[in-house]
Amino acid sequence: MPVKIVRTSILPFRGFTAINLMGVLFVHPGVYLSNELMNHERIHTAQQREMLFVFFYMAYVVEWLVRLPMRGNAYRNISFEREAYANQRNLDYLRSRRPYSWRRYMKRTRH
């Protein structure tokens, strides 16, 4: 799954390595794009496509807001992030990934 890469000092925000917006990966100049990081972002692209992009972002923000008062890191506990982090080292994951696999990560949270 191809991902367009844009190197910019504006995005992503401080503390983040990359941000995937509608299948376009924004990274700071000089950031090393490892196979794992690229796989993580390709997983996000698959999530975004299956949710027609706009619904992905709506669900992402809503889930982040719901998880803010919960224990742990709200960002890391978002189901989309949990799926991507759990499988970023499995470079064959997208070949066998079923649509909406992120749903498996909704109930369980990391601490």
PDB file of N, CA and C in Angstrom:
ATOM      1  N   MET A   1       0.851  -1.168   0.000  1.00  0.00           N
ATOM      2  CA  MET A   1       0.000   0.000   0.000  1.00  0.00           C
ATOM      3  C   MET A   1       0.902   1.239   0.000  1.00  0.00           C
ATOM      4  N   PRO A   2       0.926   1.979  -1.105  1.00  0.00           N
ATOM      5  CA  PRO A   2       1.810   3.143  -1.189  1.00  0.00           C
ATOM      6  C   PRO A   2       1.339   4.286  -0.290  1.00  0.00           C
ATOM      7  N   VAL A   3       2.308   4.981   0.273  1.00  0.00           N
ATOM      8  CA  VAL A   3       2.038   6.131   1.127  1.00  0.00           C
ATOM      9  C   VAL A   3       2.877   7.288   0.598  1.00  0.00           C
ATOM     10  N   LYS A   4       2.243   8.412   0.319  1.00  0.00           N
ATOM     11  CA  LYS A   4       2.977   9.602  -0.111  1.00  0.00           C
ATOM     12  C   LYS A   4       3.619  10.224   1.127  1.00  0.00           C
ATOM     13  N   ILE A   5       4.881  10.636   1.012  1.00  0.00           N
ATOM     14  CA  ILE A   5       5.624  11.191   2.139  1.00  0.00           C
ATOM     15  C   ILE A   5       5.921  12.663   1.863  1.00  0.00           C
ATOM     16  N   VAL A   6       5.584  13.508   2.828  1.00  0.00           N
ATOM     17  CA  VAL A   6       5.876  14.936   2.746  1.00  0.00           C
ATOM     18  C   VAL A   6       6.712  15.294   3.959  1.00  0.00           C
ATOM     19  N   ARG A   7       7.902  15.809   3.711  1.00  0.00           N
ATOM     20  CA  ARG A   7       8.778  16.244   4.809  1.00  0.00           C
ATOM     21  C   ARG A   7       8.552  17.728   5.044  1.00  0.00           C
ATOM     22  N   THR A   8       8.214  18.062   6.286  1.00  0.00           N
ATOM     23  CA  THR A   8       7.901  19.439   6.647  1.00  0.00           C
ATOM     24  C   THR A   8       8.212  19.669   8.123  1.00  0.00           C
ATOM     25  N   SER A   9       8.567  20.881   8.469  1.00  0.00           N
ATOM     26  CA  SER A   9       8.829  21.206   9.871  1.00  0.00           C
ATOM     27  C   SER A   9       7.556  21.647  10.590  1.00  0.00           C
ATOM     28  N   ILE A  10       6.454  21.779   9.858  1.00  0.00           N
ATOM     29  CA  ILE A  10       5.189  22.228  10.450  1.00  0.00           C
ATOM     30  C   ILE A  10       4.425  21.068  11.093  1.00  0.00           C
ATOM     31  N   LEU A  11       4.312  19.960  10.389  1.00  0.00           N
ATOM     32  CA  LEU A  11       3.620  18.767  10.891  1.00  0.00           C
ATOM     33  C   LEU A  11       4.616  17.625  10.962  1.00  0.00           C
ATOM     34  N   PRO A  12       4.509  16.748  11.886  1.00  0.00           N
ATOM     35  CA  PRO A  12       3.515  16.662  12.960  1.00  0.00           C
ATOM     36  C   PRO A  12       3.853  17.604  14.114  1.00  0.00           C
ATOM     37  N   PHE A  13       2.956  17.629  15.077  1.00  0.00           N
ATOM     38  CA  PHE A  13       3.147  18.472  16.243  1.00  0.00           C
ATOM     39  C   PHE A  13       4.279  17.930  17.105  1.00  0.00           C
ATOM     40  N   ARG A  14       4.793  18.779  17.961  1.00  0.00           N
ATOM     41  CA  ARG A  14       5.897  18.410  18.844  1.00  0.00           C
ATOM     42  C   ARG A  14       5.582  17.124  19.615  1.00  0.00           C
ATOM     43  N   GLY A  15       6.566  16.255  19.690  1.00  0.00           N
ATOM     44  CA  GLY A  15       6.413  15.005  20.416  1.00  0.00           C
ATOM     45  C   GLY A  15       5.991  13.831  19.537  1.00  0.00           C
ATOM     46  N   PHE A  16       5.647  14.099  18.285  1.00  0.00           N
ATOM     47  CA  PHE A  16       5.230  13.040  17.379  1.00  0.00           C
ATOM     48  C   PHE A  16       6.226  12.929  16.230  1.00  0.00           C
ATOM     49  N   THR A  17       6.417  11.715  15.764  1.00  0.00           N
ATOM     50  CA  THR A  17       7.355  11.453  14.672  1.00  0.00           C
ATOM     51  C   THR A  17       6.713  11.689  13.319  1.00  0.00           C
ATOM     52  N   ALA A  18       5.461  11.270  13.192  1.00  0.00           N
ATOM     53  CA  ALA A  18       4.771  11.352  11.909  1.00  0.00           C
ATOM     54  C   ALA A  18       3.278  11.509  12.154  1.00  0.00           C
ATOM     55  N   ILE A  19       2.599  12.032  11.153  1.00  0.00           N
ATOM     56  CA  ILE A  19       1.138  12.093  11.187  1.00  0.00           C
ATOM     57  C   ILE A  19       0.632  11.714   9.794  1.00  0.00           C
ATOM     58  N   ASN A  20      -0.362  10.846   9.780  1.00  0.00           N
ATOM     59  CA  ASN A  20      -0.931  10.340   8.540  1.00  0.00           C
ATOM     60  C   ASN A  20      -2.277  11.018   8.326  1.00  0.00           C
ATOM     61  N   LEU A  21      -2.345  11.862   7.313  1.00  0.00           N
ATOM     62  CA  LEU A  21      -3.586  12.555   6.993  1.00  0.00           C
ATOM     63  C   LEU A  21      -4.059  12.119   5.618  1.00  0.00           C
ATOM     64  N   MET A  22      -5.101  11.319   5.614  1.00  0.00           N
ATOM     65  CA  MET A  22      -5.720  10.819   4.384  1.00  0.00           C
ATOM     66  C   MET A  22      -4.723  10.077   3.491  1.00  0.00           C
ATOM     67  N   GLY A  23      -3.859   9.291   4.126  1.00  0.00           N
ATOM     68  CA  GLY A  23      -2.901   8.488   3.380  1.00  0.00           C
ATOM     69  C   GLY A  23      -1.632   9.223   2.990  1.00  0.00           C
ATOM     70  N   VAL A  24      -1.496  10.468   3.418  1.00  0.00           N
ATOM     71  CA  VAL A  24      -0.274  11.239   3.177  1.00  0.00           C
ATOM     72  C   VAL A  24       0.466  11.331   4.513  1.00  0.00           C
ATOM     73  N   LEU A  25       1.714  10.914   4.509  1.00  0.00           N
ATOM     74  CA  LEU A  25       2.514  10.875   5.732  1.00  0.00           C
ATOM     75  C   LEU A  25       3.356  12.141   5.822  1.00  0.00           C
ATOM     76  N   PHE A  26       3.124  12.926   6.862  1.00  0.00           N
ATOM     77  CA  PHE A  26       3.900  14.135   7.119  1.00  0.00           C
ATOM     78  C   PHE A  26       4.933  13.813   8.188  1.00  0.00           C
ATOM     79  N   VAL A  27       6.199  14.070   7.883  1.00  0.00           N
ATOM     80  CA  VAL A  27       7.291  13.806   8.820  1.00  0.00           C
ATOM     81  C   VAL A  27       8.258  14.979   8.797  1.00  0.00           C
ATOM     82  N   HIS A  28       8.920  15.167   9.943  1.00  0.00           N
ATOM     83  CA  HIS A  28       9.932  16.216  10.020  1.00  0.00           C
ATOM     84  C   HIS A  28      11.144  15.827   9.185  1.00  0.00           C
ATOM     85  N   PRO A  29      11.840  16.821   8.639  1.00  0.00           N
ATOM     86  CA  PRO A  29      13.082  16.522   7.911  1.00  0.00           C
ATOM     87  C   PRO A  29      14.056  15.786   8.832  1.00  0.00           C
ATOM     88  N   GLY A  30      14.722  14.793   8.302  1.00  0.00           N
ATOM     89  CA  GLY A  30      15.716  14.060   9.077  1.00  0.00           C
ATOM     90  C   GLY A  30      15.186  12.869   9.861  1.00  0.00           C
ATOM     91  N   VAL A  31      13.875  12.690   9.935  1.00  0.00           N
ATOM     92  CA  VAL A  31      13.302  11.543  10.654  1.00  0.00           C
ATOM     93  C   VAL A  31      13.539  10.289   9.817  1.00  0.00           C
ATOM     94  N   TYR A  32      14.081   9.260  10.472  1.00  0.00           N
ATOM     95  CA  TYR A  32      14.317   7.977   9.800  1.00  0.00           C
ATOM     96  C   TYR A  32      13.005   7.207   9.696  1.00  0.00           C
ATOM     97  N   LEU A  33      12.648   6.818   8.501  1.00  0.00           N
ATOM     98  CA  LEU A  33      11.411   6.073   8.268  1.00  0.00           C
ATOM     99  C   LEU A  33      11.721   4.579   8.237  1.00  0.00           C
ATOM    100  N   SER A  34      11.686   3.979   9.407  1.00  0.00           N
ATOM    101  CA  SER A  34      11.970   2.550   9.524  1.00  0.00           C
ATOM    102  C   SER A  34      10.839   1.741   8.906  1.00  0.00           C
ATOM    103  N   ASN A  35      11.107   0.471   8.656  1.00  0.00           N
ATOM    104  CA  ASN A  35      10.061  -0.424   8.146  1.00  0.00           C
ATOM    105  C   ASN A  35       8.889  -0.490   9.113  1.00  0.00           C
ATOM    106  N   GLU A  36       9.184  -0.488  10.416  1.00  0.00           N
ATOM    107  CA  GLU A  36       8.128  -0.566  11.422  1.00  0.00           C
ATOM    108  C   GLU A  36       7.264   0.688  11.412  1.00  0.00           C
ATOM    109  N   LEU A  37       7.896   1.856  11.326  1.00  0.00           N
ATOM    110  CA  LEU A  37       7.141   3.108  11.283  1.00  0.00           C
ATOM    111  C   LEU A  37       6.269   3.159  10.021  1.00  0.00           C
ATOM    112  N   MET A  38       6.824   2.768   8.904  1.00  0.00           N
ATOM    113  CA  MET A  38       6.049   2.771   7.661  1.00  0.00           C
ATOM    114  C   MET A  38       4.885   1.783   7.737  1.00  0.00           C
ATOM    115  N   ASN A  39       5.108   0.622   8.336  1.00  0.00           N
ATOM    116  CA  ASN A  39       4.035  -0.355   8.486  1.00  0.00           C
ATOM    117  C   ASN A  39       2.938   0.194   9.399  1.00  0.00           C
ATOM    118  N   HIS A  40       3.332   0.845  10.493  1.00  0.00           N
ATOM    119  CA  HIS A  40       2.387   1.477  11.417  1.00  0.00           C
ATOM    120  C   HIS A  40       1.494   2.449  10.644  1.00  0.00           C
ATOM    121  N   GLU A  41       2.107   3.276   9.822  1.00  0.00           N
ATOM    122  CA  GLU A  41       1.347   4.274   9.066  1.00  0.00           C
ATOM    123  C   GLU A  41       0.509   3.649   7.956  1.00  0.00           C
ATOM    124  N   ARG A  42       0.979   2.573   7.372  1.00  0.00           N
ATOM    125  CA  ARG A  42       0.168   1.865   6.363  1.00  0.00           C
ATOM    126  C   ARG A  42      -1.066   1.238   7.010  1.00  0.00           C
ATOM    127  N   ILE A  43      -0.919   0.768   8.240  1.00  0.00           N
ATOM    128  CA  ILE A  43      -2.079   0.234   8.976  1.00  0.00           C
ATOM    129  C   ILE A  43      -3.102   1.348   9.167  1.00  0.00           C
ATOM    130  N   HIS A  44      -2.630   2.551   9.533  1.00  0.00           N
ATOM    131  CA  HIS A  44      -3.550   3.684   9.666  1.00  0.00           C
ATOM    132  C   HIS A  44      -4.221   4.016   8.332  1.00  0.00           C
ATOM    133  N   THR A  45      -3.482   3.937   7.245  1.00  0.00           N
ATOM    134  CA  THR A  45      -4.078   4.208   5.934  1.00  0.00           C
ATOM    135  C   THR A  45      -5.188   3.203   5.637  1.00  0.00           C
ATOM    136  N   ALA A  46      -4.966   1.934   5.960  1.00  0.00           N
ATOM    137  CA  ALA A  46      -6.005   0.912   5.760  1.00  0.00           C
ATOM    138  C   ALA A  46      -7.228   1.222   6.623  1.00  0.00           C
ATOM    139  N   GLN A  47      -7.001   1.629   7.875  1.00  0.00           N
ATOM    140  CA  GLN A  47      -8.109   1.988   8.763  1.00  0.00           C
ATOM    141  C   GLN A  47      -8.898   3.165   8.197  1.00  0.00           C
ATOM    142  N   GLN A  48      -8.170   4.165   7.719  1.00  0.00           N
ATOM    143  CA  GLN A  48      -8.818   5.361   7.185  1.00  0.00           C
ATOM    144  C   GLN A  48      -9.654   5.041   5.949  1.00  0.00           C
ATOM    145  N   ARG A  49      -9.099   4.239   5.061  1.00  0.00           N
ATOM    146  CA  ARG A  49      -9.811   3.896   3.821  1.00  0.00           C
ATOM    147  C   ARG A  49     -11.088   3.122   4.111  1.00  0.00           C
ATOM    148  N   GLU A  50     -11.008   2.148   5.021  1.00  0.00           N
ATOM    149  CA  GLU A  50     -12.201   1.340   5.288  1.00  0.00           C
ATOM    150  C   GLU A  50     -13.297   2.152   5.971  1.00  0.00           C
ATOM    151  N   MET A  51     -12.927   3.287   6.566  1.00  0.00           N
ATOM    152  CA  MET A  51     -13.921   4.145   7.220  1.00  0.00           C
ATOM    153  C   MET A  51     -14.175   5.417   6.408  1.00  0.00           C
ATOM    154  N   LEU A  52     -13.777   5.384   5.143  1.00  0.00           N
ATOM    155  CA  LEU A  52     -14.006   6.503   4.225  1.00  0.00           C
ATOM    156  C   LEU A  52     -13.426   7.817   4.751  1.00  0.00           C
ATOM    157  N   PHE A  53     -12.301   7.736   5.379  1.00  0.00           N
ATOM    158  CA  PHE A  53     -11.505   8.838   5.904  1.00  0.00           C
ATOM    159  C   PHE A  53     -12.235   9.673   6.943  1.00  0.00           C
ATOM    160  N   VAL A  54     -13.290  10.349   6.593  1.00  0.00           N
ATOM    161  CA  VAL A  54     -13.945  11.274   7.514  1.00  0.00           C
ATOM    162  C   VAL A  54     -14.461  10.554   8.766  1.00  0.00           C
ATOM    163  N   PHE A  55     -15.003   9.364   8.615  1.00  0.00           N
ATOM    164  CA  PHE A  55     -15.519   8.627   9.771  1.00  0.00           C
ATOM    165  C   PHE A  55     -14.372   8.134  10.656  1.00  0.00           C
ATOM    166  N   PHE A  56     -13.229   7.867  10.056  1.00  0.00           N
ATOM    167  CA  PHE A  56     -12.039   7.502  10.843  1.00  0.00           C
ATOM    168  C   PHE A  56     -11.674   8.651  11.778  1.00  0.00           C
ATOM    169  N   TYR A  57     -11.574   9.855  11.243  1.00  0.00           N
ATOM    170  CA  TYR A  57     -11.162  10.995  12.061  1.00  0.00           C
ATOM    171  C   TYR A  57     -12.204  11.335  13.119  1.00  0.00           C
ATOM    172  N   MET A  58     -13.468  11.199  12.782  1.00  0.00           N
ATOM    173  CA  MET A  58     -14.515  11.441  13.772  1.00  0.00           C
ATOM    174  C   MET A  58     -14.407  10.426  14.909  1.00  0.00           C
ATOM    175  N   ALA A  59     -14.277   9.151  14.572  1.00  0.00           N
ATOM    176  CA  ALA A  59     -14.165   8.101  15.581  1.00  0.00           C
ATOM    177  C   ALA A  59     -12.893   8.261  16.403  1.00  0.00           C
ATOM    178  N   TYR A  60     -11.799   8.643  15.753  1.00  0.00           N
ATOM    179  CA  TYR A  60     -10.515   8.823  16.433  1.00  0.00           C
ATOM    180  C   TYR A  60     -10.630   9.894  17.520  1.00  0.00           C
ATOM    181  N   VAL A  61     -11.213  11.041  17.162  1.00  0.00           N
ATOM    182  CA  VAL A  61     -11.353  12.144  18.124  1.00  0.00           C
ATOM    183  C   VAL A  61     -12.308  11.769  19.243  1.00  0.00           C
ATOM    184  N   VAL A  62     -13.434  11.158  18.906  1.00  0.00           N
ATOM    185  CA  VAL A  62     -14.401  10.758  19.933  1.00  0.00           C
ATOM    186  C   VAL A  62     -13.758   9.761  20.900  1.00  0.00           C
ATOM    187  N   GLU A  63     -13.060   8.772  20.367  1.00  0.00           N
ATOM    188  CA  GLU A  63     -12.442   7.784  21.257  1.00  0.00           C
ATOM    189  C   GLU A  63     -11.372   8.427  22.132  1.00  0.00           C
ATOM    190  N   TRP A  64     -10.598   9.347  21.575  1.00  0.00           N
ATOM    191  CA  TRP A  64      -9.583  10.044  22.364  1.00  0.00           C
ATOM    192  C   TRP A  64     -10.244  10.824  23.510  1.00  0.00           C
ATOM    193  N   LEU A  65     -11.344  11.518  23.210  1.00  0.00           N
ATOM    194  CA  LEU A  65     -12.047  12.277  24.250  1.00  0.00           C
ATOM    195  C   LEU A  65     -12.604  11.360  25.340  1.00  0.00           C
ATOM    196  N   VAL A  66     -13.140  10.205  24.935  1.00  0.00           N
ATOM    197  CA  VAL A  66     -13.676   9.243  25.906  1.00  0.00           C
ATOM    198  C   VAL A  66     -12.557   8.701  26.790  1.00  0.00           C
ATOM    199  N   ARG A  67     -11.379   8.488  26.215  1.00  0.00           N
ATOM    200  CA  ARG A  67     -10.269   7.896  26.962  1.00  0.00           C
ATOM    201  C   ARG A  67      -9.471   8.904  27.783  1.00  0.00           C
ATOM    202  N   LEU A  68      -9.665  10.193  27.547  1.00  0.00           N
ATOM    203  CA  LEU A  68      -8.919  11.205  28.303  1.00  0.00           C
ATOM    204  C   LEU A  68      -9.044  11.046  29.818  1.00  0.00           C
ATOM    205  N   PRO A  69     -10.257  10.894  30.364  1.00  0.00           N
ATOM    206  CA  PRO A  69     -10.351  10.769  31.825  1.00  0.00           C
ATOM    207  C   PRO A  69      -9.990   9.368  32.352  1.00  0.00           C
ATOM    208  N   MET A  70      -9.773   8.416  31.465  1.00  0.00           N
ATOM    209  CA  MET A  70      -9.452   7.050  31.884  1.00  0.00           C
ATOM    210  C   MET A  70      -7.982   6.937  32.289  1.00  0.00           C
ATOM    211  N   ARG A  71      -7.684   5.849  32.930  1.00  0.00           N
ATOM    212  CA  ARG A  71      -6.313   5.564  33.331  1.00  0.00           C
ATOM    213  C   ARG A  71      -5.446   5.296  32.108  1.00  0.00           C
ATOM    214  N   GLY A  72      -4.225   5.750  32.143  1.00  0.00           N
ATOM    215  CA  GLY A  72      -3.298   5.498  31.046  1.00  0.00           C
ATOM    216  C   GLY A  72      -3.256   6.651  30.064  1.00  0.00           C
ATOM    217  N   ASN A  73      -2.503   6.457  29.011  1.00  0.00           N
ATOM    218  CA  ASN A  73      -2.301   7.469  27.973  1.00  0.00           C
ATOM    219  C   ASN A  73      -3.448   7.382  26.966  1.00  0.00           C
ATOM    220  N   ALA A  74      -4.235   8.440  26.858  1.00  0.00           N
ATOM    221  CA  ALA A  74      -5.418   8.431  25.979  1.00  0.00           C
ATOM    222  C   ALA A  74      -5.025   8.124  24.539  1.00  0.00           C
ATOM    223  N   TYR A  75      -3.970   8.749  24.045  1.00  0.00           N
ATOM    224  CA  TYR A  75      -3.517   8.520  22.667  1.00  0.00           C
ATOM    225  C   TYR A  75      -3.139   7.065  22.438  1.00  0.00           C
ATOM    226  N   ARG A  76      -2.339   6.500  23.331  1.00  0.00           N
ATOM    227  CA  ARG A  76      -1.881   5.117  23.151  1.00  0.00           C
ATOM    228  C   ARG A  76      -3.006   4.110  23.345  1.00  0.00           C
ATOM    229  N   ASN A  77      -4.088   4.508  23.994  1.00  0.00           N
ATOM    230  CA  ASN A  77      -5.211   3.600  24.236  1.00  0.00           C
ATOM    231  C   ASN A  77      -6.303   3.672  23.169  1.00  0.00           C
ATOM    232  N   ILE A  78      -6.161   4.553  22.200  1.00  0.00           N
ATOM    233  CA  ILE A  78      -7.120   4.600  21.095  1.00  0.00           C
ATOM    234  C   ILE A  78      -6.996   3.292  20.314  1.00  0.00           C
ATOM    235  N   SER A  79      -8.096   2.680  19.998  1.00  0.00           N
ATOM    236  CA  SER A  79      -8.083   1.362  19.345  1.00  0.00           C
ATOM    237  C   SER A  79      -7.294   1.372  18.035  1.00  0.00           C
ATOM    238  N   PHE A  80      -7.370   2.443  17.275  1.00  0.00           N
ATOM    239  CA  PHE A  80      -6.626   2.529  16.009  1.00  0.00           C
ATOM    240  C   PHE A  80      -5.122   2.492  16.265  1.00  0.00           C
ATOM    241  N   GLU A  81      -4.687   3.220  17.300  1.00  0.00           N
ATOM    242  CA  GLU A  81      -3.261   3.230  17.651  1.00  0.00           C
ATOM    243  C   GLU A  81      -2.834   1.876  18.222  1.00  0.00           C
ATOM    244  N   ARG A  82      -3.686   1.278  19.011  1.00  0.00           N
ATOM    245  CA  ARG A  82      -3.341  -0.008  19.616  1.00  0.00           C
ATOM    246  C   ARG A  82      -3.150  -1.079  18.554  1.00  0.00           C
ATOM    247  N   GLU A  83      -4.031  -1.084  17.546  1.00  0.00           N
ATOM    248  CA  GLU A  83      -3.856  -2.049  16.453  1.00  0.00           C
ATOM    249  C   GLU A  83      -2.547  -1.778  15.721  1.00  0.00           C
ATOM    250  N   ALA A  84      -2.278  -0.522  15.409  1.00  0.00           N
ATOM    251  CA  ALA A  84      -1.066  -0.182  14.657  1.00  0.00           C
ATOM    252  C   ALA A  84       0.203  -0.501  15.454  1.00  0.00           C
ATOM    253  N   TYR A  85       0.244  -0.143  16.730  1.00  0.00           N
ATOM    254  CA  TYR A  85       1.427  -0.434  17.549  1.00  0.00           C
ATOM    255  C   TYR A  85       1.607  -1.942  17.749  1.00  0.00           C
ATOM    256  N   ALA A  86       0.515  -2.663  17.957  1.00  0.00           N
ATOM    257  CA  ALA A  86       0.603  -4.106  18.202  1.00  0.00           C
ATOM    258  C   ALA A  86       1.125  -4.865  16.987  1.00  0.00           C
ATOM    259  N   ASN A  87       0.938  -4.313  15.801  1.00  0.00           N
ATOM    260  CA  ASN A  87       1.276  -5.048  14.583  1.00  0.00           C
ATOM    261  C   ASN A  87       2.334  -4.381  13.708  1.00  0.00           C
ATOM    262  N   GLN A  88       2.920  -3.308  14.163  1.00  0.00           N
ATOM    263  CA  GLN A  88       3.871  -2.572  13.326  1.00  0.00           C
ATOM    264  C   GLN A  88       5.122  -3.378  12.999  1.00  0.00           C
ATOM    265  N   ARG A  89       5.503  -4.318  13.853  1.00  0.00           N
ATOM    266  CA  ARG A  89       6.687  -5.146  13.573  1.00  0.00           C
ATOM    267  C   ARG A  89       6.392  -6.317  12.643  1.00  0.00           C
ATOM    268  N   ASN A  90       5.114  -6.640  12.471  1.00  0.00           N
ATOM    269  CA  ASN A  90       4.701  -7.719  11.575  1.00  0.00           C
ATOM    270  C   ASN A  90       4.502  -7.126  10.184  1.00  0.00           C
ATOM    271  N   LEU A  91       5.552  -7.172   9.374  1.00  0.00           N
ATOM    272  CA  LEU A  91       5.509  -6.513   8.075  1.00  0.00           C
ATOM    273  C   LEU A  91       4.571  -7.195   7.088  1.00  0.00           C
ATOM    274  N   ASP A  92       4.049  -8.364   7.443  1.00  0.00           N
ATOM    275  CA  ASP A  92       3.068  -9.067   6.603  1.00  0.00           C
ATOM    276  C   ASP A  92       1.640  -8.874   7.111  1.00  0.00           C
ATOM    277  N   TYR A  93       1.467  -8.095   8.154  1.00  0.00           N
ATOM    278  CA  TYR A  93       0.157  -7.945   8.797  1.00  0.00           C
ATOM    279  C   TYR A  93      -0.942  -7.507   7.826  1.00  0.00           C
ATOM    280  N   LEU A  94      -0.659  -6.542   6.988  1.00  0.00           N
ATOM    281  CA  LEU A  94      -1.703  -6.018   6.101  1.00  0.00           C
ATOM    282  C   LEU A  94      -2.175  -7.040   5.075  1.00  0.00           C
ATOM    283  N   ARG A  95      -1.369  -8.033   4.797  1.00  0.00           N
ATOM    284  CA  ARG A  95      -1.797  -9.082   3.852  1.00  0.00           C
ATOM    285  C   ARG A  95      -2.917  -9.947   4.426  1.00  0.00           C
ATOM    286  N   SER A  96      -2.915 -10.104   5.753  1.00  0.00           N
ATOM    287  CA  SER A  96      -3.920 -10.965   6.380  1.00  0.00           C
ATOM    288  C   SER A  96      -4.927 -10.188   7.232  1.00  0.00           C
ATOM    289  N   ARG A  97      -4.747  -8.903   7.344  1.00  0.00           N
ATOM    290  CA  ARG A  97      -5.627  -8.084   8.180  1.00  0.00           C
ATOM    291  C   ARG A  97      -7.047  -8.090   7.626  1.00  0.00           C
ATOM    292  N   ARG A  98      -7.983  -8.298   8.531  1.00  0.00           N
ATOM    293  CA  ARG A  98      -9.400  -8.239   8.168  1.00  0.00           C
ATOM    294  C   ARG A  98      -9.906  -6.810   8.345  1.00  0.00           C
ATOM    295  N   PRO A  99     -10.874  -6.398   7.544  1.00  0.00           N
ATOM    296  CA  PRO A  99     -11.429  -5.053   7.719  1.00  0.00           C
ATOM    297  C   PRO A  99     -11.957  -4.840   9.139  1.00  0.00           C
ATOM    298  N   TYR A 100     -11.770  -3.662   9.628  1.00  0.00           N
ATOM    299  CA  TYR A 100     -12.245  -3.245  10.953  1.00  0.00           C
ATOM    300  C   TYR A 100     -11.596  -4.035  12.095  1.00  0.00           C
ATOM    301  N   SER A 101     -10.377  -4.492  11.888  1.00  0.00           N
ATOM    302  CA  SER A 101      -9.674  -5.240  12.935  1.00  0.00           C
ATOM    303  C   SER A 101      -9.418  -4.407  14.184  1.00  0.00           C
ATOM    304  N   TRP A 102      -9.421  -3.100  14.045  1.00  0.00           N
ATOM    305  CA  TRP A 102      -9.200  -2.211  15.191  1.00  0.00           C
ATOM    306  C   TRP A 102     -10.285  -2.399  16.257  1.00  0.00           C
ATOM    307  N   ARG A 103     -11.446  -2.924  15.880  1.00  0.00           N
ATOM    308  CA  ARG A 103     -12.532  -3.119  16.862  1.00  0.00           C
ATOM    309  C   ARG A 103     -12.126  -4.064  17.988  1.00  0.00           C
ATOM    310  N   ARG A 104     -11.239  -5.021  17.684  1.00  0.00           N
ATOM    311  CA  ARG A 104     -10.769  -5.956  18.722  1.00  0.00           C
ATOM    312  C   ARG A 104     -10.045  -5.238  19.850  1.00  0.00           C
ATOM    313  N   TYR A 105      -9.546  -4.043  19.591  1.00  0.00           N
ATOM    314  CA  TYR A 105      -8.737  -3.304  20.560  1.00  0.00           C
ATOM    315  C   TYR A 105      -9.545  -2.262  21.334  1.00  0.00           C
ATOM    316  N   MET A 106     -10.834  -2.197  21.121  1.00  0.00           N
ATOM    317  CA  MET A 106     -11.645  -1.160  21.769  1.00  0.00           C
ATOM    318  C   MET A 106     -11.857  -1.380  23.245  1.00  0.00           C
ATOM    319  N   LYS A 107     -12.130  -2.603  23.673  1.00  0.00           N
ATOM    320  CA  LYS A 107     -12.495  -2.848  25.066  1.00  0.00           C
ATOM    321  C   LYS A 107     -11.303  -2.875  26.004  1.00  0.00           C
ATOM    322  N   ARG A 108     -10.265  -3.535  25.588  1.00  0.00           N
ATOM    323  CA  ARG A 108      -9.093  -3.644  26.453  1.00  0.00           C
ATOM    324  C   ARG A 108      -8.284  -2.363  26.368  1.00  0.00           C
ATOM    325  N   THR A 109      -7.746  -1.927  27.496  1.00  0.00           N
ATOM    326  CA  THR A 109      -6.907  -0.740  27.501  1.00  0.00           C
ATOM    327  C   THR A 109      -5.548  -1.088  28.089  1.00  0.00           C
ATOM    328  N   ARG A 110      -4.570  -0.320  27.688  1.00  0.00           N
ATOM    329  CA  ARG A 110      -3.213  -0.453  28.248  1.00  0.00           C
ATOM    330  C   ARG A 110      -3.142   0.445  29.466  1.00  0.00           C
ATOM    331  N   HIS A 111      -2.259   0.123  30.372  1.00  0.00           N
ATOM    332  CA  HIS A 111      -2.094   0.974  31.575  1.00  0.00           C
ATOM    333  C   HIS A 111      -0.758   1.647  31.566  1.00  0.00           C
TER     334      HIS A 111
END
